[in-house]
Amino acid sequence: MNILMTAGAGSAVGMIVWIVVLFVFMYFFMIRPQQKETKNKNAMMASLAVGDTVLTTSGFYGVVIDIEEDTVIVEFGSNKNCRIPMQKAAISAVEKPEDAVESK
């Protein structure tokens, strides 16, 4: 017991305990929520379909016209002539047509 209570060993054990506590804190408050957010974003992109209403990261609402591997073509406004290809990563939210009908 005296060996653990010496200045060198006691502070080393205390330091290791605090480092472990710090890593556990960082995992539960920083790493884990980011992993959940990434998982939800990937699931949203996998469920993206033609006809879905999307919100882009720049704040524009549009309707998906065509989907390719990493790009989508989105139609903005009621003009039907404003079709813009963009990366899937630029989509921040997806609303399915069935969800819009249920909310009304």
PDB file of N, CA and C in Angstrom:
ATOM      1  N   MET A   1       0.815  -1.195   0.000  1.00  0.00           N
ATOM      2  CA  MET A   1       0.000   0.000   0.000  1.00  0.00           C
ATOM      3  C   MET A   1       0.855   1.254   0.000  1.00  0.00           C
ATOM      4  N   ASN A   2       1.992   1.200   0.705  1.00  0.00           N
ATOM      5  CA  ASN A   2       2.880   2.340   0.747  1.00  0.00           C
ATOM      6  C   ASN A   2       3.479   2.645  -0.617  1.00  0.00           C
ATOM      7  N   ILE A   3       3.636   1.620  -1.428  1.00  0.00           N
ATOM      8  CA  ILE A   3       4.227   1.828  -2.752  1.00  0.00           C
ATOM      9  C   ILE A   3       3.282   2.665  -3.616  1.00  0.00           C
ATOM     10  N   LEU A   4       1.965   2.415  -3.550  1.00  0.00           N
ATOM     11  CA  LEU A   4       0.994   3.165  -4.344  1.00  0.00           C
ATOM     12  C   LEU A   4       0.807   4.579  -3.837  1.00  0.00           C
ATOM     13  N   MET A   5       1.078   4.825  -2.585  1.00  0.00           N
ATOM     14  CA  MET A   5       0.837   6.134  -2.006  1.00  0.00           C
ATOM     15  C   MET A   5       2.040   7.064  -2.129  1.00  0.00           C
ATOM     16  N   THR A   6       3.125   6.595  -2.673  1.00  0.00           N
ATOM     17  CA  THR A   6       4.274   7.477  -2.853  1.00  0.00           C
ATOM     18  C   THR A   6       3.938   8.524  -3.894  1.00  0.00           C
ATOM     19  N   ALA A   7       4.669   9.583  -3.897  1.00  0.00           N
ATOM     20  CA  ALA A   7       4.360  10.736  -4.755  1.00  0.00           C
ATOM     21  C   ALA A   7       4.358  10.364  -6.235  1.00  0.00           C
ATOM     22  N   GLY A   8       5.310   9.593  -6.671  1.00  0.00           N
ATOM     23  CA  GLY A   8       5.408   9.239  -8.081  1.00  0.00           C
ATOM     24  C   GLY A   8       4.308   8.305  -8.529  1.00  0.00           C
ATOM     25  N   ALA A   9       4.062   7.235  -7.781  1.00  0.00           N
ATOM     26  CA  ALA A   9       3.075   6.237  -8.202  1.00  0.00           C
ATOM     27  C   ALA A   9       1.657   6.757  -8.035  1.00  0.00           C
ATOM     28  N   GLY A  10       1.391   7.480  -6.964  1.00  0.00           N
ATOM     29  CA  GLY A  10       0.032   7.997  -6.722  1.00  0.00           C
ATOM     30  C   GLY A  10      -0.389   9.003  -7.770  1.00  0.00           C
ATOM     31  N   SER A  11       0.520   9.883  -8.145  1.00  0.00           N
ATOM     32  CA  SER A  11       0.165  10.871  -9.157  1.00  0.00           C
ATOM     33  C   SER A  11       0.053  10.237 -10.538  1.00  0.00           C
ATOM     34  N   ALA A  12       0.832   9.198 -10.795  1.00  0.00           N
ATOM     35  CA  ALA A  12       0.741   8.519 -12.087  1.00  0.00           C
ATOM     36  C   ALA A  12      -0.597   7.789 -12.217  1.00  0.00           C
ATOM     37  N   VAL A  13      -1.034   7.125 -11.161  1.00  0.00           N
ATOM     38  CA  VAL A  13      -2.324   6.427 -11.193  1.00  0.00           C
ATOM     39  C   VAL A  13      -3.458   7.435 -11.310  1.00  0.00           C
ATOM     40  N   GLY A  14      -3.353   8.516 -10.568  1.00  0.00           N
ATOM     41  CA  GLY A  14      -4.375   9.572 -10.649  1.00  0.00           C
ATOM     42  C   GLY A  14      -4.444  10.184 -12.039  1.00  0.00           C
ATOM     43  N   MET A  15      -3.292  10.380 -12.646  1.00  0.00           N
ATOM     44  CA  MET A  15      -3.232  10.949 -13.993  1.00  0.00           C
ATOM     45  C   MET A  15      -3.877  10.000 -15.005  1.00  0.00           C
ATOM     46  N   ILE A  16      -3.608   8.720 -14.880  1.00  0.00           N
ATOM     47  CA  ILE A  16      -4.199   7.734 -15.798  1.00  0.00           C
ATOM     48  C   ILE A  16      -5.713   7.700 -15.635  1.00  0.00           C
ATOM     49  N   VAL A  17      -6.196   7.764 -14.402  1.00  0.00           N
ATOM     50  CA  VAL A  17      -7.645   7.776 -14.159  1.00  0.00           C
ATOM     51  C   VAL A  17      -8.280   8.997 -14.809  1.00  0.00           C
ATOM     52  N   TRP A  18      -7.675  10.174 -14.671  1.00  0.00           N
ATOM     53  CA  TRP A  18      -8.234  11.379 -15.267  1.00  0.00           C
ATOM     54  C   TRP A  18      -8.195  11.337 -16.794  1.00  0.00           C
ATOM     55  N   ILE A  19      -7.164  10.747 -17.350  1.00  0.00           N
ATOM     56  CA  ILE A  19      -7.096  10.621 -18.808  1.00  0.00           C
ATOM     57  C   ILE A  19      -8.195   9.693 -19.310  1.00  0.00           C
ATOM     58  N   VAL A  20      -8.439   8.599 -18.620  1.00  0.00           N
ATOM     59  CA  VAL A  20      -9.519   7.679 -18.997  1.00  0.00           C
ATOM     60  C   VAL A  20     -10.870   8.382 -18.892  1.00  0.00           C
ATOM     61  N   VAL A  21     -11.074   9.126 -17.802  1.00  0.00           N
ATOM     62  CA  VAL A  21     -12.335   9.867 -17.625  1.00  0.00           C
ATOM     63  C   VAL A  21     -12.502  10.885 -18.751  1.00  0.00           C
ATOM     64  N   LEU A  22     -11.437  11.555 -19.129  1.00  0.00           N
ATOM     65  CA  LEU A  22     -11.494  12.541 -20.212  1.00  0.00           C
ATOM     66  C   LEU A  22     -11.871  11.885 -21.541  1.00  0.00           C
ATOM     67  N   PHE A  23     -11.263  10.743 -21.843  1.00  0.00           N
ATOM     68  CA  PHE A  23     -11.592  10.056 -23.094  1.00  0.00           C
ATOM     69  C   PHE A  23     -13.029   9.538 -23.103  1.00  0.00           C
ATOM     70  N   VAL A  24     -13.517   9.048 -21.977  1.00  0.00           N
ATOM     71  CA  VAL A  24     -14.910   8.591 -21.892  1.00  0.00           C
ATOM     72  C   VAL A  24     -15.846   9.775 -22.108  1.00  0.00           C
ATOM     73  N   PHE A  25     -15.543  10.901 -21.488  1.00  0.00           N
ATOM     74  CA  PHE A  25     -16.356  12.115 -21.659  1.00  0.00           C
ATOM     75  C   PHE A  25     -16.370  12.548 -23.123  1.00  0.00           C
ATOM     76  N   MET A  26     -15.193  12.569 -23.753  1.00  0.00           N
ATOM     77  CA  MET A  26     -15.119  12.973 -25.164  1.00  0.00           C
ATOM     78  C   MET A  26     -15.899  12.018 -26.056  1.00  0.00           C
ATOM     79  N   TYR A  27     -15.847  10.732 -25.759  1.00  0.00           N
ATOM     80  CA  TYR A  27     -16.564   9.759 -26.583  1.00  0.00           C
ATOM     81  C   TYR A  27     -18.069   9.996 -26.519  1.00  0.00           C
ATOM     82  N   PHE A  28     -18.615  10.140 -25.297  1.00  0.00           N
ATOM     83  CA  PHE A  28     -20.063  10.255 -25.159  1.00  0.00           C
ATOM     84  C   PHE A  28     -20.610  11.625 -25.542  1.00  0.00           C
ATOM     85  N   PHE A  29     -19.805  12.665 -25.502  1.00  0.00           N
ATOM     86  CA  PHE A  29     -20.318  13.992 -25.823  1.00  0.00           C
ATOM     87  C   PHE A  29     -19.838  14.552 -27.148  1.00  0.00           C
ATOM     88  N   MET A  30     -18.878  13.906 -27.796  1.00  0.00           N
ATOM     89  CA  MET A  30     -18.390  14.422 -29.069  1.00  0.00           C
ATOM     90  C   MET A  30     -18.401  13.378 -30.176  1.00  0.00           C
ATOM     91  N   ILE A  31     -17.807  12.235 -29.943  1.00  0.00           N
ATOM     92  CA  ILE A  31     -17.634  11.248 -31.008  1.00  0.00           C
ATOM     93  C   ILE A  31     -18.928  10.509 -31.297  1.00  0.00           C
ATOM     94  N   ARG A  32     -19.601  10.019 -30.272  1.00  0.00           N
ATOM     95  CA  ARG A  32     -20.818   9.221 -30.456  1.00  0.00           C
ATOM     96  C   ARG A  32     -21.947  10.016 -31.138  1.00  0.00           C
ATOM     97  N   PRO A  33     -22.241  11.267 -30.720  1.00  0.00           N
ATOM     98  CA  PRO A  33     -23.288  12.015 -31.434  1.00  0.00           C
ATOM     99  C   PRO A  33     -22.944  12.272 -32.896  1.00  0.00           C
ATOM    100  N   GLN A  34     -21.665  12.504 -33.189  1.00  0.00           N
ATOM    101  CA  GLN A  34     -21.266  12.715 -34.576  1.00  0.00           C
ATOM    102  C   GLN A  34     -21.469  11.450 -35.401  1.00  0.00           C
ATOM    103  N   GLN A  35     -21.183  10.295 -34.827  1.00  0.00           N
ATOM    104  CA  GLN A  35     -21.392   9.035 -35.535  1.00  0.00           C
ATOM    105  C   GLN A  35     -22.880   8.797 -35.783  1.00  0.00           C
ATOM    106  N   LYS A  36     -23.727   9.122 -34.805  1.00  0.00           N
ATOM    107  CA  LYS A  36     -25.177   8.977 -34.993  1.00  0.00           C
ATOM    108  C   LYS A  36     -25.678   9.898 -36.094  1.00  0.00           C
ATOM    109  N   GLU A  37     -25.182  11.135 -36.120  1.00  0.00           N
ATOM    110  CA  GLU A  37     -25.598  12.091 -37.140  1.00  0.00           C
ATOM    111  C   GLU A  37     -25.179  11.616 -38.533  1.00  0.00           C
ATOM    112  N   THR A  38     -23.985  11.106 -38.650  1.00  0.00           N
ATOM    113  CA  THR A  38     -23.504  10.583 -39.926  1.00  0.00           C
ATOM    114  C   THR A  38     -24.331   9.388 -40.374  1.00  0.00           C
ATOM    115  N   LYS A  39     -24.669   8.517 -39.441  1.00  0.00           N
ATOM    116  CA  LYS A  39     -25.494   7.344 -39.752  1.00  0.00           C
ATOM    117  C   LYS A  39     -26.884   7.768 -40.238  1.00  0.00           C
ATOM    118  N   ASN A  40     -27.495   8.764 -39.585  1.00  0.00           N
ATOM    119  CA  ASN A  40     -28.804   9.259 -39.997  1.00  0.00           C
ATOM    120  C   ASN A  40     -28.742   9.929 -41.366  1.00  0.00           C
ATOM    121  N   LYS A  41     -27.668  10.687 -41.632  1.00  0.00           N
ATOM    122  CA  LYS A  41     -27.506  11.354 -42.926  1.00  0.00           C
ATOM    123  C   LYS A  41     -27.346  10.322 -44.043  1.00  0.00           C
ATOM    124  N   ASN A  42     -26.573   9.272 -43.797  1.00  0.00           N
ATOM    125  CA  ASN A  42     -26.404   8.211 -44.804  1.00  0.00           C
ATOM    126  C   ASN A  42     -27.712   7.478 -45.065  1.00  0.00           C
ATOM    127  N   ALA A  43     -28.502   7.243 -44.023  1.00  0.00           N
ATOM    128  CA  ALA A  43     -29.805   6.593 -44.198  1.00  0.00           C
ATOM    129  C   ALA A  43     -30.750   7.488 -45.000  1.00  0.00           C
ATOM    130  N   MET A  44     -30.688   8.801 -44.742  1.00  0.00           N
ATOM    131  CA  MET A  44     -31.526   9.744 -45.479  1.00  0.00           C
ATOM    132  C   MET A  44     -31.145   9.745 -46.959  1.00  0.00           C
ATOM    133  N   MET A  45     -29.848   9.733 -47.254  1.00  0.00           N
ATOM    134  CA  MET A  45     -29.397   9.730 -48.644  1.00  0.00           C
ATOM    135  C   MET A  45     -29.742   8.417 -49.342  1.00  0.00           C
ATOM    136  N   ALA A  46     -29.722   7.324 -48.607  1.00  0.00           N
ATOM    137  CA  ALA A  46     -30.072   6.033 -49.201  1.00  0.00           C
ATOM    138  C   ALA A  46     -31.555   5.958 -49.537  1.00  0.00           C
ATOM    139  N   SER A  47     -32.394   6.666 -48.785  1.00  0.00           N
ATOM    140  CA  SER A  47     -33.831   6.618 -49.031  1.00  0.00           C
ATOM    141  C   SER A  47     -34.296   7.705 -50.004  1.00  0.00           C
ATOM    142  N   LEU A  48     -33.376   8.489 -50.522  1.00  0.00           N
ATOM    143  CA  LEU A  48     -33.720   9.556 -51.461  1.00  0.00           C
ATOM    144  C   LEU A  48     -34.279   8.955 -52.745  1.00  0.00           C
ATOM    145  N   ALA A  49     -35.409   9.494 -53.214  1.00  0.00           N
ATOM    146  CA  ALA A  49     -36.048   8.985 -54.421  1.00  0.00           C
ATOM    147  C   ALA A  49     -36.524  10.148 -55.284  1.00  0.00           C
ATOM    148  N   VAL A  50     -36.787   9.846 -56.546  1.00  0.00           N
ATOM    149  CA  VAL A  50     -37.311  10.850 -57.467  1.00  0.00           C
ATOM    150  C   VAL A  50     -38.691  11.296 -56.970  1.00  0.00           C
ATOM    151  N   GLY A  51     -38.912  12.601 -56.960  1.00  0.00           N
ATOM    152  CA  GLY A  51     -40.185  13.157 -56.508  1.00  0.00           C
ATOM    153  C   GLY A  51     -40.155  13.657 -55.076  1.00  0.00           C
ATOM    154  N   ASP A  52     -39.071  13.389 -54.341  1.00  0.00           N
ATOM    155  CA  ASP A  52     -38.955  13.869 -52.963  1.00  0.00           C
ATOM    156  C   ASP A  52     -38.659  15.368 -52.960  1.00  0.00           C
ATOM    157  N   THR A  53     -39.222  16.059 -51.987  1.00  0.00           N
ATOM    158  CA  THR A  53     -38.908  17.464 -51.780  1.00  0.00           C
ATOM    159  C   THR A  53     -37.691  17.534 -50.871  1.00  0.00           C
ATOM    160  N   VAL A  54     -36.702  18.335 -51.273  1.00  0.00           N
ATOM    161  CA  VAL A  54     -35.461  18.421 -50.510  1.00  0.00           C
ATOM    162  C   VAL A  54     -35.183  19.868 -50.119  1.00  0.00           C
ATOM    163  N   LEU A  55     -34.463  20.028 -49.033  1.00  0.00           N
ATOM    164  CA  LEU A  55     -33.957  21.317 -48.602  1.00  0.00           C
ATOM    165  C   LEU A  55     -32.447  21.266 -48.753  1.00  0.00           C
ATOM    166  N   THR A  56     -31.884  22.209 -49.501  1.00  0.00           N
ATOM    167  CA  THR A  56     -30.447  22.221 -49.705  1.00  0.00           C
ATOM    168  C   THR A  56     -29.758  22.952 -48.559  1.00  0.00           C
ATOM    169  N   THR A  57     -28.452  22.796 -48.475  1.00  0.00           N
ATOM    170  CA  THR A  57     -27.702  23.473 -47.420  1.00  0.00           C
ATOM    171  C   THR A  57     -27.714  24.982 -47.591  1.00  0.00           C
ATOM    172  N   SER A  58     -28.013  25.466 -48.786  1.00  0.00           N
ATOM    173  CA  SER A  58     -28.100  26.907 -49.013  1.00  0.00           C
ATOM    174  C   SER A  58     -29.492  27.458 -48.720  1.00  0.00           C
ATOM    175  N   GLY A  59     -30.444  26.585 -48.376  1.00  0.00           N
ATOM    176  CA  GLY A  59     -31.772  27.040 -47.969  1.00  0.00           C
ATOM    177  C   GLY A  59     -32.836  26.993 -49.039  1.00  0.00           C
ATOM    178  N   PHE A  60     -32.550  26.397 -50.181  1.00  0.00           N
ATOM    179  CA  PHE A  60     -33.535  26.318 -51.262  1.00  0.00           C
ATOM    180  C   PHE A  60     -34.312  25.011 -51.168  1.00  0.00           C
ATOM    181  N   TYR A  61     -35.617  25.089 -51.420  1.00  0.00           N
ATOM    182  CA  TYR A  61     -36.462  23.899 -51.504  1.00  0.00           C
ATOM    183  C   TYR A  61     -36.616  23.529 -52.967  1.00  0.00           C
ATOM    184  N   GLY A  62     -36.570  22.226 -53.248  1.00  0.00           N
ATOM    185  CA  GLY A  62     -36.728  21.769 -54.613  1.00  0.00           C
ATOM    186  C   GLY A  62     -37.224  20.340 -54.649  1.00  0.00           C
ATOM    187  N   VAL A  63     -37.484  19.850 -55.848  1.00  0.00           N
ATOM    188  CA  VAL A  63     -37.978  18.487 -56.057  1.00  0.00           C
ATOM    189  C   VAL A  63     -36.927  17.722 -56.851  1.00  0.00           C
ATOM    190  N   VAL A  64     -36.632  16.511 -56.420  1.00  0.00           N
ATOM    191  CA  VAL A  64     -35.629  15.682 -57.087  1.00  0.00           C
ATOM    192  C   VAL A  64     -36.204  15.171 -58.402  1.00  0.00           C
ATOM    193  N   ILE A  65     -35.469  15.410 -59.484  1.00  0.00           N
ATOM    194  CA  ILE A  65     -35.894  14.990 -60.819  1.00  0.00           C
ATOM    195  C   ILE A  65     -35.148  13.729 -61.250  1.00  0.00           C
ATOM    196  N   ASP A  66     -33.842  13.659 -60.942  1.00  0.00           N
ATOM    197  CA  ASP A  66     -33.026  12.526 -61.364  1.00  0.00           C
ATOM    198  C   ASP A  66     -31.943  12.292 -60.317  1.00  0.00           C
ATOM    199  N   ILE A  67     -31.589  11.030 -60.124  1.00  0.00           N
ATOM    200  CA  ILE A  67     -30.555  10.667 -59.152  1.00  0.00           C
ATOM    201  C   ILE A  67     -29.482   9.860 -59.873  1.00  0.00           C
ATOM    202  N   GLU A  68     -28.242  10.296 -59.697  1.00  0.00           N
ATOM    203  CA  GLU A  68     -27.097   9.553 -60.195  1.00  0.00           C
ATOM    204  C   GLU A  68     -26.294   9.089 -58.991  1.00  0.00           C
ATOM    205  N   GLU A  69     -25.081   8.605 -59.217  1.00  0.00           N
ATOM    206  CA  GLU A  69     -24.297   8.019 -58.133  1.00  0.00           C
ATOM    207  C   GLU A  69     -24.039   9.000 -56.986  1.00  0.00           C
ATOM    208  N   ASP A  70     -23.449  10.158 -57.290  1.00  0.00           N
ATOM    209  CA  ASP A  70     -23.172  11.119 -56.231  1.00  0.00           C
ATOM    210  C   ASP A  70     -23.769  12.497 -56.503  1.00  0.00           C
ATOM    211  N   THR A  71     -24.572  12.605 -57.556  1.00  0.00           N
ATOM    212  CA  THR A  71     -25.229  13.871 -57.872  1.00  0.00           C
ATOM    213  C   THR A  71     -26.732  13.652 -58.044  1.00  0.00           C
ATOM    214  N   VAL A  72     -27.466  14.726 -57.849  1.00  0.00           N
ATOM    215  CA  VAL A  72     -28.909  14.718 -58.092  1.00  0.00           C
ATOM    216  C   VAL A  72     -29.250  15.948 -58.917  1.00  0.00           C
ATOM    217  N   ILE A  73     -30.313  15.866 -59.675  1.00  0.00           N
ATOM    218  CA  ILE A  73     -30.816  17.023 -60.400  1.00  0.00           C
ATOM    219  C   ILE A  73     -32.081  17.459 -59.683  1.00  0.00           C
ATOM    220  N   VAL A  74     -32.072  18.709 -59.243  1.00  0.00           N
ATOM    221  CA  VAL A  74     -33.169  19.247 -58.446  1.00  0.00           C
ATOM    222  C   VAL A  74     -33.840  20.365 -59.226  1.00  0.00           C
ATOM    223  N   GLU A  75     -35.165  20.355 -59.220  1.00  0.00           N
ATOM    224  CA  GLU A  75     -35.956  21.373 -59.895  1.00  0.00           C
ATOM    225  C   GLU A  75     -36.464  22.355 -58.848  1.00  0.00           C
ATOM    226  N   PHE A  76     -36.179  23.640 -59.044  1.00  0.00           N
ATOM    227  CA  PHE A  76     -36.551  24.666 -58.085  1.00  0.00           C
ATOM    228  C   PHE A  76     -37.694  25.521 -58.620  1.00  0.00           C
ATOM    229  N   GLY A  77     -38.619  25.887 -57.741  1.00  0.00           N
ATOM    230  CA  GLY A  77     -39.705  26.793 -58.094  1.00  0.00           C
ATOM    231  C   GLY A  77     -40.754  26.146 -58.975  1.00  0.00           C
ATOM    232  N   SER A  78     -41.704  26.953 -59.375  1.00  0.00           N
ATOM    233  CA  SER A  78     -42.792  26.453 -60.212  1.00  0.00           C
ATOM    234  C   SER A  78     -42.497  26.665 -61.693  1.00  0.00           C
ATOM    235  N   ASN A  79     -41.319  27.134 -62.023  1.00  0.00           N
ATOM    236  CA  ASN A  79     -40.963  27.464 -63.393  1.00  0.00           C
ATOM    237  C   ASN A  79     -40.706  26.233 -64.246  1.00  0.00           C
ATOM    238  N   LYS A  80     -40.327  25.127 -63.688  1.00  0.00           N
ATOM    239  CA  LYS A  80     -40.016  23.874 -64.379  1.00  0.00           C
ATOM    240  C   LYS A  80     -38.808  23.989 -65.297  1.00  0.00           C
ATOM    241  N   ASN A  81     -38.220  25.166 -65.446  1.00  0.00           N
ATOM    242  CA  ASN A  81     -37.026  25.329 -66.267  1.00  0.00           C
ATOM    243  C   ASN A  81     -35.762  25.458 -65.436  1.00  0.00           C
ATOM    244  N   CYS A  82     -35.904  25.554 -64.148  1.00  0.00           N
ATOM    245  CA  CYS A  82     -34.760  25.744 -63.259  1.00  0.00           C
ATOM    246  C   CYS A  82     -34.361  24.391 -62.669  1.00  0.00           C
ATOM    247  N   ARG A  83     -33.581  23.651 -63.412  1.00  0.00           N
ATOM    248  CA  ARG A  83     -33.093  22.341 -62.977  1.00  0.00           C
ATOM    249  C   ARG A  83     -31.588  22.437 -62.792  1.00  0.00           C
ATOM    250  N   ILE A  84     -31.147  22.126 -61.590  1.00  0.00           N
ATOM    251  CA  ILE A  84     -29.734  22.298 -61.255  1.00  0.00           C
ATOM    252  C   ILE A  84     -29.163  20.986 -60.750  1.00  0.00           C
ATOM    253  N   PRO A  85     -28.058  20.526 -61.357  1.00  0.00           N
ATOM    254  CA  PRO A  85     -27.381  19.348 -60.794  1.00  0.00           C
ATOM    255  C   PRO A  85     -26.563  19.764 -59.577  1.00  0.00           C
ATOM    256  N   MET A  86     -26.600  18.952 -58.541  1.00  0.00           N
ATOM    257  CA  MET A  86     -25.829  19.241 -57.333  1.00  0.00           C
ATOM    258  C   MET A  86     -25.399  17.952 -56.673  1.00  0.00           C
ATOM    259  N   GLN A  87     -24.434  18.049 -55.779  1.00  0.00           N
ATOM    260  CA  GLN A  87     -23.972  16.881 -55.056  1.00  0.00           C
ATOM    261  C   GLN A  87     -24.994  16.471 -54.017  1.00  0.00           C
ATOM    262  N   LYS A  88     -25.038  15.175 -53.725  1.00  0.00           N
ATOM    263  CA  LYS A  88     -25.945  14.686 -52.688  1.00  0.00           C
ATOM    264  C   LYS A  88     -25.616  15.285 -51.331  1.00  0.00           C
ATOM    265  N   ALA A  89     -24.354  15.605 -51.105  1.00  0.00           N
ATOM    266  CA  ALA A  89     -23.930  16.173 -49.819  1.00  0.00           C
ATOM    267  C   ALA A  89     -24.546  17.548 -49.570  1.00  0.00           C
ATOM    268  N   ALA A  90     -25.043  18.208 -50.613  1.00  0.00           N
ATOM    269  CA  ALA A  90     -25.645  19.526 -50.465  1.00  0.00           C
ATOM    270  C   ALA A  90     -27.096  19.457 -49.994  1.00  0.00           C
ATOM    271  N   ILE A  91     -27.626  18.269 -49.810  1.00  0.00           N
ATOM    272  CA  ILE A  91     -29.004  18.103 -49.330  1.00  0.00           C
ATOM    273  C   ILE A  91     -28.969  17.961 -47.819  1.00  0.00           C
ATOM    274  N   SER A  92     -29.742  18.806 -47.146  1.00  0.00           N
ATOM    275  CA  SER A  92     -29.735  18.759 -45.681  1.00  0.00           C
ATOM    276  C   SER A  92     -30.985  18.109 -45.106  1.00  0.00           C
ATOM    277  N   ALA A  93     -32.087  18.080 -45.853  1.00  0.00           N
ATOM    278  CA  ALA A  93     -33.313  17.447 -45.353  1.00  0.00           C
ATOM    279  C   ALA A  93     -34.124  16.925 -46.524  1.00  0.00           C
ATOM    280  N   VAL A  94     -34.843  15.836 -46.292  1.00  0.00           N
ATOM    281  CA  VAL A  94     -35.680  15.215 -47.325  1.00  0.00           C
ATOM    282  C   VAL A  94     -37.087  15.060 -46.768  1.00  0.00           C
ATOM    283  N   GLU A  95     -38.075  15.433 -47.570  1.00  0.00           N
ATOM    284  CA  GLU A  95     -39.474  15.233 -47.193  1.00  0.00           C
ATOM    285  C   GLU A  95     -40.137  14.387 -48.270  1.00  0.00           C
ATOM    286  N   LYS A  96     -40.626  13.252 -47.863  1.00  0.00           N
ATOM    287  CA  LYS A  96     -41.296  12.350 -48.793  1.00  0.00           C
ATOM    288  C   LYS A  96     -42.691  12.889 -49.123  1.00  0.00           C
ATOM    289  N   PRO A  97     -43.205  12.623 -50.326  1.00  0.00           N
ATOM    290  CA  PRO A  97     -44.557  13.086 -50.668  1.00  0.00           C
ATOM    291  C   PRO A  97     -45.626  12.511 -49.736  1.00  0.00           C
ATOM    292  N   GLU A  98     -45.426  11.272 -49.250  1.00  0.00           N
ATOM    293  CA  GLU A  98     -46.409  10.672 -48.341  1.00  0.00           C
ATOM    294  C   GLU A  98     -46.463  11.426 -47.014  1.00  0.00           C
ATOM    295  N   ASP A  99     -45.309  11.919 -46.560  1.00  0.00           N
ATOM    296  CA  ASP A  99     -45.250  12.666 -45.297  1.00  0.00           C
ATOM    297  C   ASP A  99     -45.994  13.989 -45.417  1.00  0.00           C
ATOM    298  N   ALA A 100     -45.933  14.625 -46.579  1.00  0.00           N
ATOM    299  CA  ALA A 100     -46.613  15.901 -46.781  1.00  0.00           C
ATOM    300  C   ALA A 100     -48.128  15.705 -46.763  1.00  0.00           C
ATOM    301  N   VAL A 101     -48.603  14.600 -47.328  1.00  0.00           N
ATOM    302  CA  VAL A 101     -50.040  14.326 -47.360  1.00  0.00           C
ATOM    303  C   VAL A 101     -50.545  14.020 -45.952  1.00  0.00           C
ATOM    304  N   GLU A 102     -49.782  13.264 -45.172  1.00  0.00           N
ATOM    305  CA  GLU A 102     -50.189  12.898 -43.819  1.00  0.00           C
ATOM    306  C   GLU A 102     -50.256  14.090 -42.890  1.00  0.00           C
ATOM    307  N   SER A 103     -49.374  15.086 -43.086  1.00  0.00           N
ATOM    308  CA  SER A 103     -49.355  16.246 -42.187  1.00  0.00           C
ATOM    309  C   SER A 103     -50.528  17.184 -42.467  1.00  0.00           C
ATOM    310  N   LYS A 104     -51.137  17.114 -43.649  1.00  0.00           N
ATOM    311  CA  LYS A 104     -52.260  18.000 -43.968  1.00  0.00           C
ATOM    312  C   LYS A 104     -53.518  17.368 -43.558  1.00  0.00           C
TER     313      LYS A 104
END
